Amino acid sequence: MERDDRIRVVFADGEELLFPPVAGASVLVSADRAGHTLASNCRAGTCRTCRASDANGDEVLLCSTPAAAGVSFDLPYRRADMVAPSSRKARLNGFARVSRSVWEVRYRLQFPLPFLPGQYVEASFPGIERPRRFSMANAPSQKEQVLHVRDLPGGAMSAYLNGRAMPDDLFSVRGPFGTFYLRATGKPKLFVSGGTGLAPIVAMLSTIDADRSPPLAAVAGFAHQDDAYGLERLRELAAALPLELVFAVDGAGGGGWPGIVANPVAALRAVRSVPLAGGTEAYLCGPPAMVAAARADLLSRGLAAGDILNEEFAHDA
């Protein structure tokens, strides 16, 4: 049998795609030249949207992996779930501080922007040089879009929200991006968030059909009690879904904290309704160190690597 010198990618549902390598280019560029859309965003090796597994099972980034004859990669998403990003004009409906360190931004779009719960957009606001990446915190069916923005002292977004932002401000969004989205499986589901990593988790939970839902558990972690937000929305979801809630903070003060004092990974010990073992699907979103620690913990408990989906984020100033 002759060797196939094309690049081979296999999607999560088993669909295969073959295309020729472009000399001196990356796998991602080779796919582009062949007319195929693969998940990507920054194309500079920082956002990790284009991650895949090579033939050895090692994680690689297709934007920086050189194209070569006969190589093969596994992708963690279905081809049918990928929609080419597009741009929309948007206007602010309102914005408010919902905790010591988090703003909630609400806006409307010129035209609907289809996305899967958990995906993110790049938003370009007035007077801010570079686009910022934010996961939507609303269900795709909701007309009003919602973002959670961390308030970083001295940061461009903080300066805008604290001083210049006005209702009806015009800005733009481009997306959707990312392979971190809710999978339509019947597996028990565990959600672990840190800080504003809660946004895509809320979007995911908001789309689950209560009548068909498997057991669910969500660990929402925050640095301090004063940083916590979104608890009432989570309680609303828990009232409609078979959802166990675990609230966790590294630091609490003043009493009245309705959860435990621990980081999100340590708080996994409090989960009772979802087995932390093989067969459970986990969704992790938060700072890179938290995501890495949670992933390692769940792998040690027997969860399959392919059942641990994660989004890492770094806050832009």
C-alpha atoms as a PDB file:
ATOM      1  CA  MET A   1       0.000   0.000   0.000  1.00  0.00           C
ATOM      2  CA  GLU A   2       1.379   3.381  -0.988  1.00  0.00           C
ATOM      3  CA  ARG A   3       2.067   5.906   1.692  1.00  0.00           C
ATOM      4  CA  ASP A   4      -0.382   8.842   1.834  1.00  0.00           C
ATOM      5  CA  ASP A   5       1.663  12.047   1.902  1.00  0.00           C
ATOM      6  CA  ARG A   6      -1.281  14.197   2.934  1.00  0.00           C
ATOM      7  CA  ILE A   7      -1.923  15.567   6.412  1.00  0.00           C
ATOM      8  CA  ARG A   8      -4.686  13.677   8.233  1.00  0.00           C
ATOM      9  CA  VAL A   9      -6.866  15.121  10.971  1.00  0.00           C
ATOM     10  CA  VAL A  10      -9.533  13.142  12.810  1.00  0.00           C
ATOM     11  CA  PHE A  11     -12.403  14.964  14.495  1.00  0.00           C
ATOM     12  CA  ALA A  12     -13.953  13.876  17.796  1.00  0.00           C
ATOM     13  CA  ASP A  13     -16.808  12.079  16.038  1.00  0.00           C
ATOM     14  CA  GLY A  14     -14.417  10.097  13.825  1.00  0.00           C
ATOM     15  CA  GLU A  15     -14.762  12.179  10.666  1.00  0.00           C
ATOM     16  CA  GLU A  16     -11.462  12.389   8.789  1.00  0.00           C
ATOM     17  CA  LEU A  17     -10.016  15.181   6.711  1.00  0.00           C
ATOM     18  CA  LEU A  18      -7.039  14.876   4.352  1.00  0.00           C
ATOM     19  CA  PHE A  19      -5.175  17.769   2.760  1.00  0.00           C
ATOM     20  CA  PRO A  20      -1.707  18.370   1.281  1.00  0.00           C
ATOM     21  CA  PRO A  21       1.056  20.004   3.338  1.00  0.00           C
ATOM     22  CA  VAL A  22       2.221  23.445   2.215  1.00  0.00           C
ATOM     23  CA  ALA A  23       6.009  23.658   2.206  1.00  0.00           C
ATOM     24  CA  GLY A  24       7.328  25.986   4.903  1.00  0.00           C
ATOM     25  CA  ALA A  25       3.869  26.537   6.402  1.00  0.00           C
ATOM     26  CA  SER A  26       2.031  25.249   9.460  1.00  0.00           C
ATOM     27  CA  VAL A  27      -0.616  22.545   9.572  1.00  0.00           C
ATOM     28  CA  LEU A  28      -3.229  25.250  10.155  1.00  0.00           C
ATOM     29  CA  VAL A  29      -2.149  27.264   7.121  1.00  0.00           C
ATOM     30  CA  SER A  30      -2.139  24.101   5.023  1.00  0.00           C
ATOM     31  CA  ALA A  31      -5.750  23.466   6.058  1.00  0.00           C
ATOM     32  CA  ASP A  32      -6.637  27.060   5.158  1.00  0.00           C
ATOM     33  CA  ARG A  33      -5.077  26.735   1.711  1.00  0.00           C
ATOM     34  CA  ALA A  34      -7.110  23.590   1.115  1.00  0.00           C
ATOM     35  CA  GLY A  35     -10.318  25.422   2.026  1.00  0.00           C
ATOM     36  CA  HIS A  36     -10.923  23.759   5.400  1.00  0.00           C
ATOM     37  CA  THR A  37     -11.926  25.563   8.621  1.00  0.00           C
ATOM     38  CA  LEU A  38     -10.192  24.305  11.775  1.00  0.00           C
ATOM     39  CA  ALA A  39     -10.537  25.919  15.194  1.00  0.00           C
ATOM     40  CA  SER A  40      -8.095  28.819  15.601  1.00  0.00           C
ATOM     41  CA  ASN A  41      -7.804  32.397  16.793  1.00  0.00           C
ATOM     42  CA  CYS A  42      -4.522  34.158  17.586  1.00  0.00           C
ATOM     43  CA  ARG A  43      -2.332  31.962  15.337  1.00  0.00           C
ATOM     44  CA  ALA A  44       0.627  32.965  17.491  1.00  0.00           C
ATOM     45  CA  GLY A  45       0.705  30.032  19.914  1.00  0.00           C
ATOM     46  CA  THR A  46      -0.839  31.854  22.877  1.00  0.00           C
ATOM     47  CA  CYS A  47      -4.613  31.224  22.848  1.00  0.00           C
ATOM     48  CA  ARG A  48      -4.307  27.426  22.394  1.00  0.00           C
ATOM     49  CA  THR A  49      -7.566  27.295  20.451  1.00  0.00           C
ATOM     50  CA  CYS A  50      -5.910  25.185  17.734  1.00  0.00           C
ATOM     51  CA  ARG A  51      -4.639  22.478  20.074  1.00  0.00           C
ATOM     52  CA  ALA A  52      -4.676  18.860  18.913  1.00  0.00           C
ATOM     53  CA  SER A  53      -3.016  15.538  19.771  1.00  0.00           C
ATOM     54  CA  ASP A  54      -0.296  14.071  17.571  1.00  0.00           C
ATOM     55  CA  ALA A  55       0.293  10.394  16.821  1.00  0.00           C
ATOM     56  CA  ASN A  56       2.130   9.991  20.163  1.00  0.00           C
ATOM     57  CA  GLY A  57      -0.762  11.485  22.118  1.00  0.00           C
ATOM     58  CA  ASP A  58       1.170  14.689  22.858  1.00  0.00           C
ATOM     59  CA  GLU A  59      -0.628  18.030  22.738  1.00  0.00           C
ATOM     60  CA  VAL A  60       0.462  20.291  19.881  1.00  0.00           C
ATOM     61  CA  LEU A  61      -0.684  23.629  18.467  1.00  0.00           C
ATOM     62  CA  LEU A  62      -1.524  23.408  14.779  1.00  0.00           C
ATOM     63  CA  CYS A  63      -0.668  27.069  14.191  1.00  0.00           C
ATOM     64  CA  SER A  64       2.975  26.394  15.079  1.00  0.00           C
ATOM     65  CA  THR A  65       3.361  22.748  13.998  1.00  0.00           C
ATOM     66  CA  PRO A  66       5.182  22.544  10.650  1.00  0.00           C
ATOM     67  CA  ALA A  67       3.266  20.858   7.863  1.00  0.00           C
ATOM     68  CA  ALA A  68       4.816  17.530   6.869  1.00  0.00           C
ATOM     69  CA  ALA A  69       3.838  14.608   4.678  1.00  0.00           C
ATOM     70  CA  GLY A  70       1.961  11.768   6.336  1.00  0.00           C
ATOM     71  CA  VAL A  71       1.412  13.316   9.791  1.00  0.00           C
ATOM     72  CA  SER A  72      -1.823  12.716  11.688  1.00  0.00           C
ATOM     73  CA  PHE A  73      -3.657  14.630  14.431  1.00  0.00           C
ATOM     74  CA  ASP A  74      -6.735  14.104  16.603  1.00  0.00           C
ATOM     75  CA  LEU A  75      -8.983  17.112  17.258  1.00  0.00           C
ATOM     76  CA  PRO A  76     -11.121  17.517  20.408  1.00  0.00           C
ATOM     77  CA  TYR A  77     -14.221  18.751  18.582  1.00  0.00           C
ATOM     78  CA  ARG A  78     -16.611  17.799  15.812  1.00  0.00           C
ATOM     79  CA  ARG A  79     -16.157  19.360  12.394  1.00  0.00           C
ATOM     80  CA  ALA A  80     -19.874  20.193  12.303  1.00  0.00           C
ATOM     81  CA  ASP A  81     -19.460  22.362  15.427  1.00  0.00           C
ATOM     82  CA  MET A  82     -16.982  24.750  13.827  1.00  0.00           C
ATOM     83  CA  VAL A  83     -18.417  27.983  12.455  1.00  0.00           C
ATOM     84  CA  ALA A  84     -16.176  30.450  10.649  1.00  0.00           C
ATOM     85  CA  PRO A  85     -15.771  33.605  12.808  1.00  0.00           C
ATOM     86  CA  SER A  86     -17.549  36.762  11.683  1.00  0.00           C
ATOM     87  CA  SER A  87     -17.859  40.334  12.957  1.00  0.00           C
ATOM     88  CA  ARG A  88     -20.845  42.182  14.384  1.00  0.00           C
ATOM     89  CA  LYS A  89     -21.527  45.719  15.530  1.00  0.00           C
ATOM     90  CA  ALA A  90     -22.712  45.925  19.120  1.00  0.00           C
ATOM     91  CA  ARG A  91     -24.114  48.534  21.516  1.00  0.00           C
ATOM     92  CA  LEU A  92     -23.861  48.616  25.278  1.00  0.00           C
ATOM     93  CA  ASN A  93     -27.119  48.075  27.125  1.00  0.00           C
ATOM     94  CA  GLY A  94     -25.535  48.530  30.516  1.00  0.00           C
ATOM     95  CA  PHE A  95     -22.676  47.639  32.823  1.00  0.00           C
ATOM     96  CA  ALA A  96     -22.377  47.232  36.560  1.00  0.00           C
ATOM     97  CA  ARG A  97     -19.887  46.056  39.144  1.00  0.00           C
ATOM     98  CA  VAL A  98     -21.148  42.732  40.532  1.00  0.00           C
ATOM     99  CA  SER A  99     -18.332  42.161  43.034  1.00  0.00           C
ATOM    100  CA  ARG A 100     -15.167  43.863  44.211  1.00  0.00           C
ATOM    101  CA  SER A 101     -13.279  42.705  41.132  1.00  0.00           C
ATOM    102  CA  VAL A 102     -15.861  41.852  38.443  1.00  0.00           C
ATOM    103  CA  TRP A 103     -18.018  43.867  36.065  1.00  0.00           C
ATOM    104  CA  GLU A 104     -21.013  42.526  34.182  1.00  0.00           C
ATOM    105  CA  VAL A 105     -21.346  43.995  30.691  1.00  0.00           C
ATOM    106  CA  ARG A 106     -24.605  43.621  28.737  1.00  0.00           C
ATOM    107  CA  TYR A 107     -25.015  44.477  25.059  1.00  0.00           C
ATOM    108  CA  ARG A 108     -27.084  43.904  21.950  1.00  0.00           C
ATOM    109  CA  LEU A 109     -25.892  42.906  18.496  1.00  0.00           C
ATOM    110  CA  GLN A 110     -26.682  44.332  15.078  1.00  0.00           C
ATOM    111  CA  PHE A 111     -27.341  40.763  13.878  1.00  0.00           C
ATOM    112  CA  PRO A 112     -27.338  37.476  15.838  1.00  0.00           C
ATOM    113  CA  LEU A 113     -23.977  35.769  16.237  1.00  0.00           C
ATOM    114  CA  PRO A 114     -24.382  31.973  16.502  1.00  0.00           C
ATOM    115  CA  PHE A 115     -22.141  30.298  19.091  1.00  0.00           C
ATOM    116  CA  LEU A 116     -21.954  27.199  21.231  1.00  0.00           C
ATOM    117  CA  PRO A 117     -22.276  27.635  25.020  1.00  0.00           C
ATOM    118  CA  GLY A 118     -18.740  28.038  26.337  1.00  0.00           C
ATOM    119  CA  GLN A 119     -17.228  29.738  23.288  1.00  0.00           C
ATOM    120  CA  TYR A 120     -15.819  33.271  23.316  1.00  0.00           C
ATOM    121  CA  VAL A 121     -15.552  36.430  21.216  1.00  0.00           C
ATOM    122  CA  GLU A 122     -12.970  39.128  20.666  1.00  0.00           C
ATOM    123  CA  ALA A 123     -14.453  42.501  21.664  1.00  0.00           C
ATOM    124  CA  SER A 124     -13.033  45.852  20.506  1.00  0.00           C
ATOM    125  CA  PHE A 125     -14.107  48.744  22.736  1.00  0.00           C
ATOM    126  CA  PRO A 126     -13.673  52.511  22.136  1.00  0.00           C
ATOM    127  CA  GLY A 127     -10.236  53.838  22.999  1.00  0.00           C
ATOM    128  CA  ILE A 128      -8.759  50.391  23.696  1.00  0.00           C
ATOM    129  CA  GLU A 129      -5.992  49.437  21.326  1.00  0.00           C
ATOM    130  CA  ARG A 130      -6.322  45.657  21.191  1.00  0.00           C
ATOM    131  CA  PRO A 131      -9.372  43.371  21.204  1.00  0.00           C
ATOM    132  CA  ARG A 132     -10.154  41.601  24.475  1.00  0.00           C
ATOM    133  CA  ARG A 133     -11.322  37.983  24.685  1.00  0.00           C
ATOM    134  CA  PHE A 134     -14.431  37.206  26.693  1.00  0.00           C
ATOM    135  CA  SER A 135     -16.611  34.124  27.000  1.00  0.00           C
ATOM    136  CA  MET A 136     -20.335  34.735  26.724  1.00  0.00           C
ATOM    137  CA  ALA A 137     -22.199  34.185  29.994  1.00  0.00           C
ATOM    138  CA  ASN A 138     -25.598  33.797  28.333  1.00  0.00           C
ATOM    139  CA  ALA A 139     -27.382  31.054  26.443  1.00  0.00           C
ATOM    140  CA  PRO A 140     -27.076  31.341  22.635  1.00  0.00           C
ATOM    141  CA  SER A 141     -30.850  31.822  22.371  1.00  0.00           C
ATOM    142  CA  GLN A 142     -30.738  34.964  24.517  1.00  0.00           C
ATOM    143  CA  LYS A 143     -30.909  38.235  22.558  1.00  0.00           C
ATOM    144  CA  GLU A 144     -28.958  40.226  25.134  1.00  0.00           C
ATOM    145  CA  GLN A 145     -25.317  39.151  25.361  1.00  0.00           C
ATOM    146  CA  VAL A 146     -23.481  39.110  28.704  1.00  0.00           C
ATOM    147  CA  LEU A 147     -19.753  39.306  29.484  1.00  0.00           C
ATOM    148  CA  HIS A 148     -17.919  39.081  32.810  1.00  0.00           C
ATOM    149  CA  VAL A 149     -14.930  41.425  32.981  1.00  0.00           C
ATOM    150  CA  ARG A 150     -12.314  41.397  35.697  1.00  0.00           C
ATOM    151  CA  ASP A 151     -11.480  44.843  37.084  1.00  0.00           C
ATOM    152  CA  LEU A 152      -7.696  45.141  36.906  1.00  0.00           C
ATOM    153  CA  PRO A 153      -6.412  48.387  38.440  1.00  0.00           C
ATOM    154  CA  GLY A 154      -4.621  50.416  35.769  1.00  0.00           C
ATOM    155  CA  GLY A 155      -5.980  48.236  32.982  1.00  0.00           C
ATOM    156  CA  ALA A 156      -7.511  49.586  29.796  1.00  0.00           C
ATOM    157  CA  MET A 157     -10.876  47.844  30.293  1.00  0.00           C
ATOM    158  CA  SER A 158     -11.046  48.996  33.914  1.00  0.00           C
ATOM    159  CA  ALA A 159     -10.336  52.592  32.871  1.00  0.00           C
ATOM    160  CA  TYR A 160     -13.051  52.380  30.222  1.00  0.00           C
ATOM    161  CA  LEU A 161     -15.724  50.893  32.508  1.00  0.00           C
ATOM    162  CA  ASN A 162     -14.828  53.097  35.474  1.00  0.00           C
ATOM    163  CA  GLY A 163     -14.603  56.375  33.560  1.00  0.00           C
ATOM    164  CA  ARG A 164     -15.709  56.542  29.929  1.00  0.00           C
ATOM    165  CA  ALA A 165     -18.302  53.863  29.206  1.00  0.00           C
ATOM    166  CA  MET A 166     -21.833  55.014  28.432  1.00  0.00           C
ATOM    167  CA  PRO A 167     -25.020  53.135  27.508  1.00  0.00           C
ATOM    168  CA  ASP A 168     -25.370  52.814  23.723  1.00  0.00           C
ATOM    169  CA  ASP A 169     -21.594  52.964  23.184  1.00  0.00           C
ATOM    170  CA  LEU A 170     -20.821  51.340  19.854  1.00  0.00           C
ATOM    171  CA  PHE A 171     -18.169  48.592  19.718  1.00  0.00           C
ATOM    172  CA  SER A 172     -17.562  45.398  17.758  1.00  0.00           C
ATOM    173  CA  VAL A 173     -17.293  41.692  18.460  1.00  0.00           C
ATOM    174  CA  ARG A 174     -15.795  38.931  16.343  1.00  0.00           C
ATOM    175  CA  GLY A 175     -16.305  35.220  16.831  1.00  0.00           C
ATOM    176  CA  PRO A 176     -17.157  32.639  17.861  1.00  0.00           C
ATOM    177  CA  PHE A 177     -13.854  31.082  18.897  1.00  0.00           C
ATOM    178  CA  GLY A 178     -12.806  28.104  20.966  1.00  0.00           C
ATOM    179  CA  THR A 179     -13.365  24.383  21.344  1.00  0.00           C
ATOM    180  CA  PHE A 180     -14.463  24.699  24.980  1.00  0.00           C
ATOM    181  CA  TYR A 181     -18.184  24.143  24.648  1.00  0.00           C
ATOM    182  CA  LEU A 182     -20.842  21.887  26.124  1.00  0.00           C
ATOM    183  CA  ARG A 183     -20.895  18.391  24.611  1.00  0.00           C
ATOM    184  CA  ALA A 184     -24.282  16.770  24.051  1.00  0.00           C
ATOM    185  CA  THR A 185     -23.618  13.559  25.943  1.00  0.00           C
ATOM    186  CA  GLY A 186     -25.443  11.751  28.721  1.00  0.00           C
ATOM    187  CA  LYS A 187     -22.369  11.585  30.956  1.00  0.00           C
ATOM    188  CA  PRO A 188     -22.451  13.109  34.461  1.00  0.00           C
ATOM    189  CA  LYS A 189     -20.911  16.553  34.243  1.00  0.00           C
ATOM    190  CA  LEU A 190     -18.587  18.425  36.595  1.00  0.00           C
ATOM    191  CA  PHE A 191     -17.933  22.155  36.178  1.00  0.00           C
ATOM    192  CA  VAL A 192     -15.015  23.873  37.936  1.00  0.00           C
ATOM    193  CA  SER A 193     -14.411  27.611  37.620  1.00  0.00           C
ATOM    194  CA  GLY A 194     -12.078  30.191  39.079  1.00  0.00           C
ATOM    195  CA  GLY A 195     -13.006  33.892  39.073  1.00  0.00           C
ATOM    196  CA  THR A 196     -14.498  35.071  35.775  1.00  0.00           C
ATOM    197  CA  GLY A 197     -14.005  31.555  34.433  1.00  0.00           C
ATOM    198  CA  LEU A 198     -17.563  31.256  35.701  1.00  0.00           C
ATOM    199  CA  ALA A 199     -18.913  32.989  32.562  1.00  0.00           C
ATOM    200  CA  PRO A 200     -18.804  30.045  30.122  1.00  0.00           C
ATOM    201  CA  ILE A 201     -19.970  27.668  32.857  1.00  0.00           C
ATOM    202  CA  VAL A 202     -23.121  29.745  33.351  1.00  0.00           C
ATOM    203  CA  ALA A 203     -23.668  29.744  29.575  1.00  0.00           C
ATOM    204  CA  MET A 204     -23.381  25.948  29.483  1.00  0.00           C
ATOM    205  CA  LEU A 205     -25.675  25.350  32.442  1.00  0.00           C
ATOM    206  CA  SER A 206     -28.227  27.764  30.988  1.00  0.00           C
ATOM    207  CA  THR A 207     -28.707  25.544  27.927  1.00  0.00           C
ATOM    208  CA  ILE A 208     -29.184  22.150  29.628  1.00  0.00           C
ATOM    209  CA  ASP A 209     -32.648  20.611  29.377  1.00  0.00           C
ATOM    210  CA  ALA A 210     -33.749  19.715  32.902  1.00  0.00           C
ATOM    211  CA  ASP A 211     -35.847  16.788  31.662  1.00  0.00           C
ATOM    212  CA  ARG A 212     -32.852  15.162  29.946  1.00  0.00           C
ATOM    213  CA  SER A 213     -30.078  16.255  32.217  1.00  0.00           C
ATOM    214  CA  PRO A 214     -27.523  13.872  33.720  1.00  0.00           C
ATOM    215  CA  PRO A 215     -26.282  14.558  37.269  1.00  0.00           C
ATOM    216  CA  LEU A 216     -24.435  17.891  37.444  1.00  0.00           C
ATOM    217  CA  ALA A 217     -22.073  19.535  39.937  1.00  0.00           C
ATOM    218  CA  ALA A 218     -20.467  22.967  39.784  1.00  0.00           C
ATOM    219  CA  VAL A 219     -17.569  24.217  41.897  1.00  0.00           C
ATOM    220  CA  ALA A 220     -17.378  28.029  41.725  1.00  0.00           C
ATOM    221  CA  GLY A 221     -14.145  29.341  43.216  1.00  0.00           C
ATOM    222  CA  PHE A 222     -13.033  32.881  44.026  1.00  0.00           C
ATOM    223  CA  ALA A 223      -9.941  34.448  45.546  1.00  0.00           C
ATOM    224  CA  HIS A 224     -11.907  36.127  48.335  1.00  0.00           C
ATOM    225  CA  GLN A 225     -15.477  36.424  49.558  1.00  0.00           C
ATOM    226  CA  ASP A 226     -15.576  40.003  48.249  1.00  0.00           C
ATOM    227  CA  ASP A 227     -14.755  38.763  44.737  1.00  0.00           C
ATOM    228  CA  ALA A 228     -17.607  36.258  44.585  1.00  0.00           C
ATOM    229  CA  TYR A 229     -20.457  36.927  42.186  1.00  0.00           C
ATOM    230  CA  GLY A 230     -23.111  35.065  40.218  1.00  0.00           C
ATOM    231  CA  LEU A 231     -24.248  32.964  43.186  1.00  0.00           C
ATOM    232  CA  GLU A 232     -27.922  33.842  42.770  1.00  0.00           C
ATOM    233  CA  ARG A 233     -27.842  32.923  39.082  1.00  0.00           C
ATOM    234  CA  LEU A 234     -26.287  29.578  39.988  1.00  0.00           C
ATOM    235  CA  ARG A 235     -28.970  29.011  42.617  1.00  0.00           C
ATOM    236  CA  GLU A 236     -31.643  29.717  39.997  1.00  0.00           C
ATOM    237  CA  LEU A 237     -30.092  27.100  37.745  1.00  0.00           C
ATOM    238  CA  ALA A 238     -29.818  24.624  40.620  1.00  0.00           C
ATOM    239  CA  ALA A 239     -33.528  25.062  41.314  1.00  0.00           C
ATOM    240  CA  ALA A 240     -34.308  23.907  37.774  1.00  0.00           C
ATOM    241  CA  LEU A 241     -31.581  21.314  37.206  1.00  0.00           C
ATOM    242  CA  PRO A 242     -30.173  18.275  39.048  1.00  0.00           C
ATOM    243  CA  LEU A 243     -27.251  20.543  39.965  1.00  0.00           C
ATOM    244  CA  GLU A 244     -25.123  20.410  43.111  1.00  0.00           C
ATOM    245  CA  LEU A 245     -23.380  23.690  43.968  1.00  0.00           C
ATOM    246  CA  VAL A 246     -20.103  24.092  45.844  1.00  0.00           C
ATOM    247  CA  PHE A 247     -18.986  27.679  46.535  1.00  0.00           C
ATOM    248  CA  ALA A 248     -15.348  28.120  47.539  1.00  0.00           C
ATOM    249  CA  VAL A 249     -13.076  31.030  48.426  1.00  0.00           C
ATOM    250  CA  ASP A 250      -9.419  31.141  49.380  1.00  0.00           C
ATOM    251  CA  GLY A 251     -10.178  33.882  51.868  1.00  0.00           C
ATOM    252  CA  ALA A 252     -13.357  34.774  53.741  1.00  0.00           C
ATOM    253  CA  GLY A 253     -14.101  37.539  56.194  1.00  0.00           C
ATOM    254  CA  GLY A 254     -16.996  39.120  57.948  1.00  0.00           C
ATOM    255  CA  GLY A 255     -19.069  35.973  58.172  1.00  0.00           C
ATOM    256  CA  GLY A 256     -22.001  34.931  56.076  1.00  0.00           C
ATOM    257  CA  TRP A 257     -20.053  33.052  53.412  1.00  0.00           C
ATOM    258  CA  PRO A 258     -22.388  30.303  52.100  1.00  0.00           C
ATOM    259  CA  GLY A 259     -19.643  27.923  51.082  1.00  0.00           C
ATOM    260  CA  ILE A 260     -16.292  26.521  52.112  1.00  0.00           C
ATOM    261  CA  VAL A 261     -12.867  28.099  52.490  1.00  0.00           C
ATOM    262  CA  ALA A 262     -10.638  26.349  49.972  1.00  0.00           C
ATOM    263  CA  ASN A 263      -9.317  26.750  46.465  1.00  0.00           C
ATOM    264  CA  PRO A 264     -11.430  25.237  43.653  1.00  0.00           C
ATOM    265  CA  VAL A 265      -9.290  22.094  43.395  1.00  0.00           C
ATOM    266  CA  ALA A 266      -9.380  21.359  47.119  1.00  0.00           C
ATOM    267  CA  ALA A 267     -13.128  22.031  47.015  1.00  0.00           C
ATOM    268  CA  LEU A 268     -13.610  18.974  44.804  1.00  0.00           C
ATOM    269  CA  ARG A 269     -13.666  16.934  48.005  1.00  0.00           C
ATOM    270  CA  ALA A 270     -17.091  18.406  48.753  1.00  0.00           C
ATOM    271  CA  VAL A 271     -18.712  17.107  45.541  1.00  0.00           C
ATOM    272  CA  ARG A 272     -21.177  14.306  46.272  1.00  0.00           C
ATOM    273  CA  SER A 273     -23.661  14.010  43.396  1.00  0.00           C
ATOM    274  CA  VAL A 274     -21.234  13.407  40.518  1.00  0.00           C
ATOM    275  CA  PRO A 275     -18.641  10.615  40.655  1.00  0.00           C
ATOM    276  CA  LEU A 276     -15.066  11.887  40.357  1.00  0.00           C
ATOM    277  CA  ALA A 277     -14.092   8.854  38.340  1.00  0.00           C
ATOM    278  CA  GLY A 278     -14.059   7.448  34.839  1.00  0.00           C
ATOM    279  CA  GLY A 279     -17.244   8.136  32.905  1.00  0.00           C
ATOM    280  CA  THR A 280     -17.665  11.698  34.181  1.00  0.00           C
ATOM    281  CA  GLU A 281     -17.138  14.696  31.881  1.00  0.00           C
ATOM    282  CA  ALA A 282     -15.377  17.721  33.383  1.00  0.00           C
ATOM    283  CA  TYR A 283     -15.322  21.341  32.245  1.00  0.00           C
ATOM    284  CA  LEU A 284     -12.605  23.571  33.713  1.00  0.00           C
ATOM    285  CA  CYS A 285     -12.209  27.316  33.247  1.00  0.00           C
ATOM    286  CA  GLY A 286     -10.030  29.756  35.135  1.00  0.00           C
ATOM    287  CA  PRO A 287      -6.424  30.856  35.589  1.00  0.00           C
ATOM    288  CA  PRO A 288      -3.872  28.483  33.994  1.00  0.00           C
ATOM    289  CA  ALA A 289      -2.477  27.253  37.329  1.00  0.00           C
ATOM    290  CA  MET A 290      -5.944  26.366  38.594  1.00  0.00           C
ATOM    291  CA  VAL A 291      -6.879  24.577  35.380  1.00  0.00           C
ATOM    292  CA  ALA A 292      -3.620  22.592  35.347  1.00  0.00           C
ATOM    293  CA  ALA A 293      -4.032  21.554  38.988  1.00  0.00           C
ATOM    294  CA  ALA A 294      -7.673  20.547  38.517  1.00  0.00           C
ATOM    295  CA  ARG A 295      -6.854  18.570  35.395  1.00  0.00           C
ATOM    296  CA  ALA A 296      -4.047  16.698  37.152  1.00  0.00           C
ATOM    297  CA  ASP A 297      -6.308  15.953  40.118  1.00  0.00           C
ATOM    298  CA  LEU A 298      -9.103  14.578  37.936  1.00  0.00           C
ATOM    299  CA  LEU A 299      -6.720  12.486  35.837  1.00  0.00           C
ATOM    300  CA  SER A 300      -5.405  10.931  39.058  1.00  0.00           C
ATOM    301  CA  ARG A 301      -8.992  10.002  39.962  1.00  0.00           C
ATOM    302  CA  GLY A 302      -9.455   8.090  36.724  1.00  0.00           C
ATOM    303  CA  LEU A 303     -11.229  10.561  34.447  1.00  0.00           C
ATOM    304  CA  ALA A 304     -10.284  10.039  30.807  1.00  0.00           C
ATOM    305  CA  ALA A 305      -8.125  12.794  29.317  1.00  0.00           C
ATOM    306  CA  GLY A 306     -10.633  13.235  26.493  1.00  0.00           C
ATOM    307  CA  ASP A 307     -13.416  13.831  29.020  1.00  0.00           C
ATOM    308  CA  ILE A 308     -11.612  16.770  30.661  1.00  0.00           C
ATOM    309  CA  LEU A 309     -12.308  19.905  28.649  1.00  0.00           C
ATOM    310  CA  ASN A 310     -10.660  23.132  29.665  1.00  0.00           C
ATOM    311  CA  GLU A 311     -10.248  26.788  28.855  1.00  0.00           C
ATOM    312  CA  GLU A 312      -7.330  28.748  30.234  1.00  0.00           C
ATOM    313  CA  PHE A 313      -7.379  32.513  30.258  1.00  0.00           C
ATOM    314  CA  ALA A 314      -5.032  35.340  31.100  1.00  0.00           C
ATOM    315  CA  HIS A 315      -6.543  38.739  31.892  1.00  0.00           C
ATOM    316  CA  ASP A 316      -5.594  41.567  29.491  1.00  0.00           C
ATOM    317  CA  ALA A 317      -4.791  44.766  31.284  1.00  0.00           C
END
